[in-house]
Protein backbone atom coordinates (compact mmCIF):
# COMPACT_ATOMS: atom_id res chain seq x y z
CA UNK A 1 -16.86 -39.03 -101.52
CA UNK A 2 -19.90 -40.55 -99.84
CA UNK A 3 -21.78 -41.41 -103.06
CA UNK A 4 -21.00 -42.52 -106.59
CA UNK A 5 -20.74 -40.07 -109.48
CA UNK A 6 -23.81 -41.76 -110.93
CA UNK A 7 -25.87 -40.95 -107.86
CA UNK A 8 -24.80 -37.32 -107.93
CA UNK A 9 -25.71 -37.11 -111.62
CA UNK A 10 -29.10 -38.66 -110.90
CA UNK A 11 -29.73 -36.03 -108.23
CA UNK A 12 -28.76 -33.27 -110.63
CA UNK A 13 -31.23 -34.67 -113.14
CA UNK A 14 -34.03 -34.47 -110.53
CA UNK A 15 -33.18 -30.87 -109.77
CA UNK A 16 -33.07 -29.88 -113.44
CA UNK A 17 -36.47 -31.51 -114.01
CA UNK A 18 -37.88 -29.55 -111.06
CA UNK A 19 -36.32 -26.37 -112.42
CA UNK A 20 -37.82 -26.92 -115.85
CA UNK A 21 -41.23 -27.45 -114.30
CA UNK A 22 -40.88 -24.03 -112.62
CA UNK A 23 -39.50 -22.42 -115.81
CA UNK A 24 -36.21 -21.78 -113.99
CA UNK A 25 -33.25 -21.84 -116.37
CA UNK A 26 -30.60 -21.06 -113.75
CA UNK A 27 -30.60 -21.66 -110.00
CA UNK A 28 -28.38 -20.25 -107.24
CA UNK A 29 -28.24 -22.68 -104.30
CA UNK A 30 -27.00 -21.49 -100.91
CA UNK A 31 -28.35 -24.10 -98.46
CA UNK A 32 -25.28 -26.11 -97.32
CA UNK A 33 -27.37 -29.29 -97.00
CA UNK A 34 -28.45 -28.94 -100.63
CA UNK A 35 -24.88 -28.17 -101.69
CA UNK A 36 -23.75 -31.34 -99.93
CA UNK A 37 -26.52 -33.46 -101.42
CA UNK A 38 -25.80 -32.29 -104.96
CA UNK A 39 -21.99 -32.32 -104.95
CA UNK A 40 -20.63 -33.74 -101.68
CA UNK A 41 -19.26 -30.39 -100.50
CA UNK A 42 -18.52 -30.60 -96.77
CA UNK A 43 -17.00 -27.68 -94.93
CA UNK A 44 -17.74 -25.31 -92.05
CA UNK A 45 -17.65 -22.36 -94.41
CA UNK A 46 -21.31 -21.35 -94.56
CA UNK A 47 -20.72 -18.31 -92.33
CA UNK A 48 -19.67 -16.53 -95.53
CA UNK A 49 -21.57 -16.52 -98.80
CA UNK A 50 -21.05 -19.65 -100.87
CA UNK A 51 -23.15 -21.83 -103.09
CA UNK A 52 -23.77 -23.60 -106.36
CA UNK A 53 -24.94 -22.48 -109.76
CA UNK A 54 -27.11 -25.07 -111.49
CA UNK A 55 -28.17 -24.32 -115.06
CA UNK A 56 -30.16 -26.32 -117.57
CA UNK A 57 -27.41 -25.52 -120.10
CA UNK A 58 -24.53 -26.81 -117.93
CA UNK A 59 -23.56 -30.46 -117.48
CA UNK A 60 -22.41 -29.96 -113.87
CA UNK A 61 -23.00 -27.45 -111.08
CA UNK A 62 -20.50 -24.68 -110.48
CA UNK A 63 -19.28 -24.30 -106.90
CA UNK A 64 -18.45 -20.75 -105.81
CA UNK A 65 -17.12 -19.69 -102.43
CA UNK A 66 -14.34 -18.08 -100.46
CA UNK A 67 -10.85 -18.54 -101.87
CA UNK A 68 -9.51 -20.40 -98.85
CA UNK A 69 -12.36 -22.95 -99.21
CA UNK A 70 -11.65 -23.77 -102.84
CA UNK A 71 -9.34 -26.65 -101.97
CA UNK A 72 -12.07 -28.02 -99.71
CA UNK A 73 -14.36 -28.12 -102.72
CA UNK A 74 -11.69 -29.96 -104.70
CA UNK A 75 -11.31 -32.53 -101.89
CA UNK A 76 -14.96 -33.17 -101.07
CA UNK A 77 -16.89 -32.80 -104.36
CA UNK A 78 -16.97 -34.73 -107.61
CA UNK A 79 -16.73 -31.51 -109.63
CA UNK A 80 -14.02 -30.87 -112.19
CA UNK A 81 -11.43 -28.21 -111.36
CA UNK A 82 -12.98 -25.73 -113.80
CA UNK A 83 -16.29 -26.07 -111.96
CA UNK A 84 -14.78 -24.72 -108.72
CA UNK A 85 -14.71 -20.92 -108.65
CA UNK A 86 -13.23 -19.32 -105.51
CA UNK A 87 -13.54 -15.57 -104.96
CA UNK A 88 -10.95 -13.17 -103.55
CA UNK A 89 -10.97 -12.50 -99.82
CA UNK A 90 -11.88 -8.84 -100.22
CA UNK A 91 -15.43 -10.01 -101.00
CA UNK A 92 -15.75 -11.29 -97.41
CA UNK A 93 -17.88 -9.07 -95.15
CA UNK A 94 -17.05 -6.01 -97.23
CA UNK A 95 -19.80 -3.36 -97.46
CA UNK A 96 -18.36 -2.16 -100.77
CA UNK A 97 -18.27 -5.55 -102.54
CA UNK A 98 -20.63 -8.50 -102.43
CA UNK A 99 -20.07 -12.13 -103.49
CA UNK A 100 -23.25 -12.04 -105.57
CA UNK A 101 -21.43 -9.68 -107.94
CA UNK A 102 -18.90 -12.49 -108.37
CA UNK A 103 -21.76 -14.90 -109.05
CA UNK A 104 -23.22 -12.50 -111.62
CA UNK A 105 -19.84 -12.37 -113.36
CA UNK A 106 -19.85 -16.18 -113.65
CA UNK A 107 -23.38 -16.17 -115.04
CA UNK A 108 -22.44 -13.62 -117.69
CA UNK A 109 -19.24 -15.50 -118.54
CA UNK A 110 -21.25 -18.70 -119.10
CA UNK A 111 -23.85 -16.94 -121.22
CA UNK A 112 -26.46 -17.24 -118.48
CA UNK A 113 -26.83 -13.57 -117.59
CA UNK A 114 -30.15 -13.24 -119.44
CA UNK A 115 -31.57 -16.62 -118.45
CA UNK A 116 -34.44 -16.93 -115.97
CA UNK A 117 -32.66 -16.95 -112.61
CA UNK A 118 -34.09 -18.36 -109.39
CA UNK A 119 -32.65 -18.54 -105.85
CA UNK A 120 -33.45 -20.08 -102.47
CA UNK A 121 -34.74 -16.76 -101.23
CA UNK A 122 -36.20 -17.89 -97.90
CA UNK A 123 -33.47 -19.76 -96.09
CA UNK A 124 -30.83 -18.96 -93.49
CA UNK A 125 -28.04 -18.23 -95.98
CA UNK A 126 -29.60 -16.01 -98.66
CA UNK A 127 -30.04 -12.39 -97.55
CA UNK A 128 -31.95 -9.39 -98.84
CA UNK A 129 -28.58 -8.02 -99.96
CA UNK A 130 -27.98 -11.19 -102.00
CA UNK A 131 -31.25 -10.66 -103.86
CA UNK A 132 -30.76 -6.93 -104.43
CA UNK A 133 -27.18 -7.40 -105.66
CA UNK A 134 -28.25 -10.01 -108.20
CA UNK A 135 -31.08 -7.73 -109.33
CA UNK A 136 -28.74 -4.77 -109.72
CA UNK A 137 -26.16 -6.83 -111.60
CA UNK A 138 -28.52 -8.70 -113.93
CA UNK A 139 -31.37 -6.23 -114.30
CA UNK A 140 -34.09 -8.38 -112.74
CA UNK A 141 -34.65 -9.93 -109.30
CA UNK A 142 -34.28 -13.70 -109.00
CA UNK A 143 -37.41 -15.82 -108.76
CA UNK A 144 -38.14 -17.80 -105.63
CA UNK A 145 -37.03 -21.45 -105.68
CA UNK A 146 -37.07 -21.99 -101.92
CA UNK A 147 -37.36 -25.70 -101.21
CA UNK A 148 -36.93 -26.81 -104.82
CA UNK A 149 -33.85 -28.91 -104.07
CA UNK A 150 -35.12 -29.93 -100.63
CA UNK A 151 -38.18 -31.61 -102.15
CA UNK A 152 -35.96 -33.50 -104.60
CA UNK A 153 -34.24 -35.04 -101.57
CA UNK A 154 -37.39 -36.45 -99.99
CA UNK A 155 -37.20 -40.09 -101.20
CA UNK A 156 -33.92 -41.63 -100.05
CA UNK A 157 -31.61 -43.82 -102.12
CA UNK A 158 -30.38 -47.19 -100.82
CA UNK A 159 -27.05 -45.61 -99.85
CA UNK A 160 -28.76 -42.79 -98.00
CA UNK A 161 -30.85 -45.33 -96.09
CA UNK A 162 -27.69 -47.22 -95.20
CA UNK A 163 -26.22 -44.00 -93.74
CA UNK A 164 -29.43 -43.35 -91.79
CA UNK A 165 -29.19 -46.84 -90.30
CA UNK A 166 -25.61 -46.16 -89.26
CA UNK A 167 -26.71 -42.84 -87.78
CA UNK A 168 -29.36 -44.72 -85.78
CA UNK A 169 -26.61 -46.83 -84.18
CA UNK A 170 -24.79 -43.65 -83.20
CA UNK A 171 -28.08 -42.26 -81.89
CA UNK A 172 -28.71 -45.21 -79.58
CA UNK A 173 -25.18 -44.92 -78.19
CA UNK A 174 -25.69 -41.19 -77.63
CA UNK A 175 -28.96 -41.75 -75.77
CA UNK A 176 -27.46 -44.55 -73.66
CA UNK A 177 -24.61 -42.22 -72.75
CA UNK A 178 -26.98 -39.42 -71.78
CA UNK A 179 -29.22 -41.60 -69.60
CA UNK A 180 -26.20 -43.13 -67.86
CA UNK A 181 -24.78 -39.66 -67.16
CA UNK A 182 -27.90 -38.27 -65.48
CA UNK A 183 -27.44 -39.07 -61.79
CA UNK A 184 -27.90 -37.07 -58.57
CA UNK A 185 -24.75 -35.09 -57.88
CA UNK A 186 -23.54 -35.20 -61.48
CA UNK A 187 -23.04 -31.76 -63.09
CA UNK A 188 -25.36 -31.17 -66.02
CA UNK A 189 -22.39 -29.92 -68.05
CA UNK A 190 -20.61 -33.25 -67.48
CA UNK A 191 -23.56 -35.12 -68.97
CA UNK A 192 -23.55 -32.72 -71.93
CA UNK A 193 -19.82 -33.26 -72.44
CA UNK A 194 -20.32 -37.03 -72.43
CA UNK A 195 -23.08 -36.66 -75.02
CA UNK A 196 -20.87 -34.55 -77.28
CA UNK A 197 -18.13 -37.17 -77.11
CA UNK A 198 -20.59 -39.96 -77.93
CA UNK A 199 -21.93 -37.93 -80.89
CA UNK A 200 -18.49 -37.59 -82.43
CA UNK A 201 -16.98 -40.96 -81.52
CA UNK A 202 -19.96 -43.20 -82.18
CA UNK A 203 -20.08 -46.83 -81.07
CA UNK A 204 -17.37 -49.28 -82.09
CA UNK A 205 -17.16 -49.54 -85.86
CA UNK A 206 -19.55 -46.67 -86.57
CA UNK A 207 -18.03 -43.17 -86.48
CA UNK A 208 -20.28 -40.27 -85.59
CA UNK A 209 -20.11 -36.58 -86.43
CA UNK A 210 -21.18 -33.20 -85.07
CA UNK A 211 -24.97 -32.75 -84.99
CA UNK A 212 -26.81 -29.90 -86.66
CA UNK A 213 -28.45 -29.00 -83.31
CA UNK A 214 -26.66 -28.88 -79.98
CA UNK A 215 -27.76 -31.42 -77.31
CA UNK A 216 -31.14 -30.30 -75.95
CA UNK A 217 -31.05 -31.40 -72.28
CA UNK A 218 -33.22 -29.12 -70.10
CA UNK A 219 -34.16 -30.02 -66.53
CA UNK A 220 -37.16 -29.21 -64.31
CA UNK A 221 -38.82 -25.86 -65.16
CA UNK A 222 -36.63 -25.63 -68.27
CA UNK A 223 -38.55 -28.65 -69.65
CA UNK A 224 -41.51 -26.33 -70.28
CA UNK A 225 -39.52 -24.97 -73.24
CA UNK A 226 -38.86 -26.85 -76.44
CA UNK A 227 -35.28 -25.89 -77.26
CA UNK A 228 -33.26 -25.16 -74.12
CA UNK A 229 -29.94 -26.78 -73.28
CA UNK A 230 -28.42 -27.88 -69.98
CA UNK A 231 -27.71 -25.57 -67.03
CA UNK A 232 -23.90 -25.21 -66.92
CA UNK A 233 -23.91 -24.28 -63.21
CA UNK A 234 -26.27 -26.94 -61.88
CA UNK A 235 -25.91 -30.51 -60.59
CA UNK A 236 -28.66 -33.11 -61.01
CA UNK A 237 -30.73 -33.88 -57.91
CA UNK A 238 -33.22 -36.50 -56.77
CA UNK A 239 -36.65 -35.61 -58.17
CA UNK A 240 -35.28 -33.99 -61.32
CA UNK A 241 -37.12 -34.14 -64.63
CA UNK A 242 -34.86 -34.08 -67.72
CA UNK A 243 -35.80 -33.98 -71.40
CA UNK A 244 -33.36 -35.32 -73.98
CA UNK A 245 -33.55 -34.38 -77.65
CA UNK A 246 -30.39 -35.82 -79.14
CA UNK A 247 -29.11 -37.12 -82.44
CA UNK A 248 -26.80 -39.59 -84.09
CA UNK A 249 -24.99 -38.46 -87.25
CA UNK A 250 -23.14 -40.48 -89.88
CA UNK A 251 -21.89 -39.00 -93.16
CA UNK A 252 -24.03 -35.91 -92.31
CA UNK A 253 -27.21 -38.04 -92.16
CA UNK A 254 -29.14 -37.38 -88.96
CA UNK A 255 -31.20 -39.73 -86.81
CA UNK A 256 -32.77 -37.74 -83.94
CA UNK A 257 -34.41 -39.21 -80.85
CA UNK A 258 -36.10 -37.77 -77.76
CA UNK A 259 -36.72 -39.32 -74.36
CA UNK A 260 -37.73 -38.25 -70.84
CA UNK A 261 -35.77 -39.06 -67.67
CA UNK A 262 -37.01 -38.72 -64.08
CA UNK A 263 -34.75 -39.20 -61.05
CA UNK A 264 -37.17 -40.78 -58.60
CA UNK A 265 -40.91 -41.44 -58.69
CA UNK A 266 -42.58 -39.54 -61.57
CA UNK A 267 -45.55 -37.34 -60.65
CA UNK A 268 -49.05 -38.38 -61.71
CA UNK A 269 -49.39 -35.62 -64.33
CA UNK A 270 -46.18 -36.72 -66.05
CA UNK A 271 -47.37 -40.33 -66.06
CA UNK A 272 -50.71 -39.29 -67.57
CA UNK A 273 -49.03 -37.36 -70.38
CA UNK A 274 -46.68 -40.29 -70.96
CA UNK A 275 -49.58 -42.70 -71.36
CA UNK A 276 -51.26 -40.40 -73.89
CA UNK A 277 -48.11 -39.91 -75.93
CA UNK A 278 -47.11 -43.57 -75.94
CA UNK A 279 -50.53 -44.70 -77.10
CA UNK A 280 -50.52 -41.99 -79.74
CA UNK A 281 -47.08 -42.98 -81.02
CA UNK A 282 -48.02 -46.66 -81.18
CA UNK A 283 -51.26 -46.00 -83.06
CA UNK A 284 -49.55 -43.60 -85.49
CA UNK A 285 -46.76 -46.04 -86.31
CA UNK A 286 -49.37 -48.74 -86.97
CA UNK A 287 -51.28 -46.32 -89.22
CA UNK A 288 -48.43 -45.06 -91.39
CA UNK A 289 -48.06 -46.62 -94.83
CA UNK A 290 -47.48 -45.46 -98.40
CA UNK A 291 -50.40 -43.47 -99.75
CA UNK A 292 -51.50 -41.76 -96.54
CA UNK A 293 -51.01 -38.01 -96.30
CA UNK A 294 -48.98 -36.12 -93.73
CA UNK A 295 -52.11 -34.43 -92.37
CA UNK A 296 -53.87 -37.79 -91.90
CA UNK A 297 -50.94 -39.01 -89.79
CA UNK A 298 -51.30 -36.00 -87.51
CA UNK A 299 -55.08 -36.44 -87.41
CA UNK A 300 -54.65 -40.03 -86.22
CA UNK A 301 -52.40 -38.77 -83.42
CA UNK A 302 -54.85 -36.06 -82.40
CA UNK A 303 -57.74 -38.54 -82.27
CA UNK A 304 -55.82 -40.57 -79.68
CA UNK A 305 -54.56 -37.85 -77.37
CA UNK A 306 -57.81 -35.87 -77.21
CA UNK A 307 -59.36 -38.61 -75.06
CA UNK A 308 -56.61 -37.91 -72.49
CA UNK A 309 -57.21 -34.17 -72.49
CA UNK A 310 -53.67 -33.62 -73.80
CA UNK A 311 -53.08 -30.92 -76.42
CA UNK A 312 -50.17 -30.47 -78.82
CA UNK A 313 -50.52 -27.28 -80.91
CA UNK A 314 -47.21 -27.75 -82.77
CA UNK A 315 -46.53 -30.11 -85.68
CA UNK A 316 -46.09 -33.82 -84.98
CA UNK A 317 -42.94 -34.35 -87.05
CA UNK A 318 -40.90 -33.59 -90.14
CA UNK A 319 -38.67 -35.19 -92.77
CA UNK A 320 -35.00 -35.86 -92.02
CA UNK A 321 -31.83 -36.58 -93.98
CA UNK A 322 -28.48 -34.87 -94.58
CA UNK A 323 -28.19 -31.64 -92.60
CA UNK A 324 -26.00 -28.84 -91.29
CA UNK A 325 -26.62 -26.28 -88.56
CA UNK A 326 -28.96 -24.88 -87.48
CA UNK A 327 -31.52 -27.60 -88.23
CA UNK A 328 -31.53 -31.36 -88.77
CA UNK A 329 -34.88 -31.33 -90.59
CA UNK A 330 -35.13 -31.18 -94.37
CA UNK A 331 -37.60 -28.25 -94.34
CA UNK A 332 -40.16 -30.02 -96.53
CA UNK A 333 -42.92 -32.24 -95.13
CA UNK A 334 -44.49 -31.45 -91.77
CA UNK A 335 -46.87 -33.87 -90.07
CA UNK A 336 -49.61 -31.31 -89.38
CA UNK A 337 -53.05 -30.21 -90.57
CA UNK A 338 -53.02 -28.92 -94.14
CA UNK A 339 -49.95 -30.81 -95.33
CA UNK A 340 -51.28 -33.04 -98.09
CA UNK A 341 -47.94 -34.63 -99.00
CA UNK A 342 -48.46 -38.31 -99.79
CA UNK A 343 -46.05 -40.57 -97.94
CA UNK A 344 -44.03 -42.92 -100.14
CA UNK A 345 -41.49 -45.70 -99.53
CA UNK A 346 -38.00 -44.59 -98.49
CA UNK A 347 -39.06 -41.27 -97.02
CA UNK A 348 -37.59 -40.69 -93.54
CA UNK A 349 -39.20 -38.75 -90.70
CA UNK A 350 -38.81 -37.76 -87.08
CA UNK A 351 -42.10 -38.37 -85.28
CA UNK A 352 -41.73 -35.76 -82.53
CA UNK A 353 -44.75 -35.69 -80.15
CA UNK A 354 -43.23 -33.28 -77.62
CA UNK A 355 -45.58 -31.87 -74.99
CA UNK A 356 -44.60 -28.66 -73.20
CA UNK A 357 -46.94 -27.39 -70.49
CA UNK A 358 -46.59 -24.51 -68.04
CA UNK A 359 -45.03 -26.66 -65.30
CA UNK A 360 -43.37 -29.61 -67.08
CA UNK A 361 -42.59 -31.23 -70.40
CA UNK A 362 -42.52 -34.74 -71.87
CA UNK A 363 -40.83 -36.12 -74.99
CA UNK A 364 -40.67 -39.60 -76.50
CA UNK A 365 -40.06 -39.46 -80.25
CA UNK A 366 -39.41 -41.98 -83.01
CA UNK A 367 -37.39 -41.63 -86.21
CA UNK A 368 -38.88 -43.88 -88.88
CA UNK A 369 -38.59 -44.94 -92.49
CA UNK A 370 -41.64 -45.42 -94.71
CA UNK A 371 -41.53 -48.94 -96.17
CA UNK A 372 -43.42 -50.66 -98.99
CA UNK A 373 -46.17 -51.78 -96.61
CA UNK A 374 -45.91 -49.59 -93.51
CA UNK A 375 -43.12 -47.98 -91.57
CA UNK A 376 -39.97 -49.05 -89.73
CA UNK A 377 -38.71 -47.29 -86.59
CA UNK A 378 -35.00 -46.58 -87.03
CA UNK A 379 -34.29 -47.31 -83.35
CA UNK A 380 -35.74 -49.72 -80.81
CA UNK A 381 -35.13 -47.55 -77.79
CA UNK A 382 -37.37 -48.02 -74.71
CA UNK A 383 -40.22 -45.54 -74.65
CA UNK A 384 -41.91 -43.90 -71.71
CA UNK A 385 -40.40 -42.28 -68.64
CA UNK A 386 -36.88 -43.54 -68.03
CA UNK A 387 -36.04 -43.83 -64.32
CA UNK A 388 -32.34 -44.76 -64.05
């Protein structure tokens, strides 16, 4: 396992305290990142219903999932054997049976059937059918505990920070690989393949892993969009603009990084946007310290770029940590107007000042850690327009 039993128990204590504050006696968790954070579970099994039951009356969570994944839970979690409850395969994608009926059976067996039940009702893995099945089985719909566990994850432990630092080493190697692969005449798919290999292999002594988001590597007019990949049928050419939004992963901890590449002499508009973004990033990193709010960070950024006539309507960044597809963010803090979260030491963020206009895009982001007196960028990668 990636963490000590003591750390897992400490995390469970945080979740139970948050549950008690919400008057939740029982919680069904389906977010695979939260499952991993609480127990260590690590498997590509989230395409079927699976999860944890956390109850104030239970000493440990109960893992429940598909029968063939039960051994994976035994191998990757700290849970006792009696806390691993696999269901029969006829629950899988069967319109006549639903895994939440299996969960309801466990709750009743443990004397929890009448307790106040909550669920992560607004995430990628909990469906309307999940909610209605629990309501039918237990007589009342579950309350909404979306984000409850996610917010418990916000301040990182020393071991988590160590994994983020290792992920940053993988990240730098991934970005180096990408920049070196973008050359006139080189197929875009070849550069993407090299990036995938660098993600998984990592640099010497630091193994990587698969990222929660595929390599975002659009070129030219595709850079006007935030989340497009490479063109599998195209070769790079002189005069190409390429955006890179990539990530290093270690022990499921993600360190993302974005940069902009231009093959040749960058146009004036791209240079102007670059100057605005780079000044904004520098001023924001100088400004960040414990006690400032997320919205004040974004306000500082906006004050800088408005003098350049550059506009960014989307959020400036978000918290990062352990993640699975389809997102490497933690789905908690956003650096944007209205988010009054107070930054504290050992929180980790991706400062993502991407600009996407009608004819081109520019990205130069920074992952950072909030420290006792300021913030620390997790990489020292050259900023600005890269012209290999």
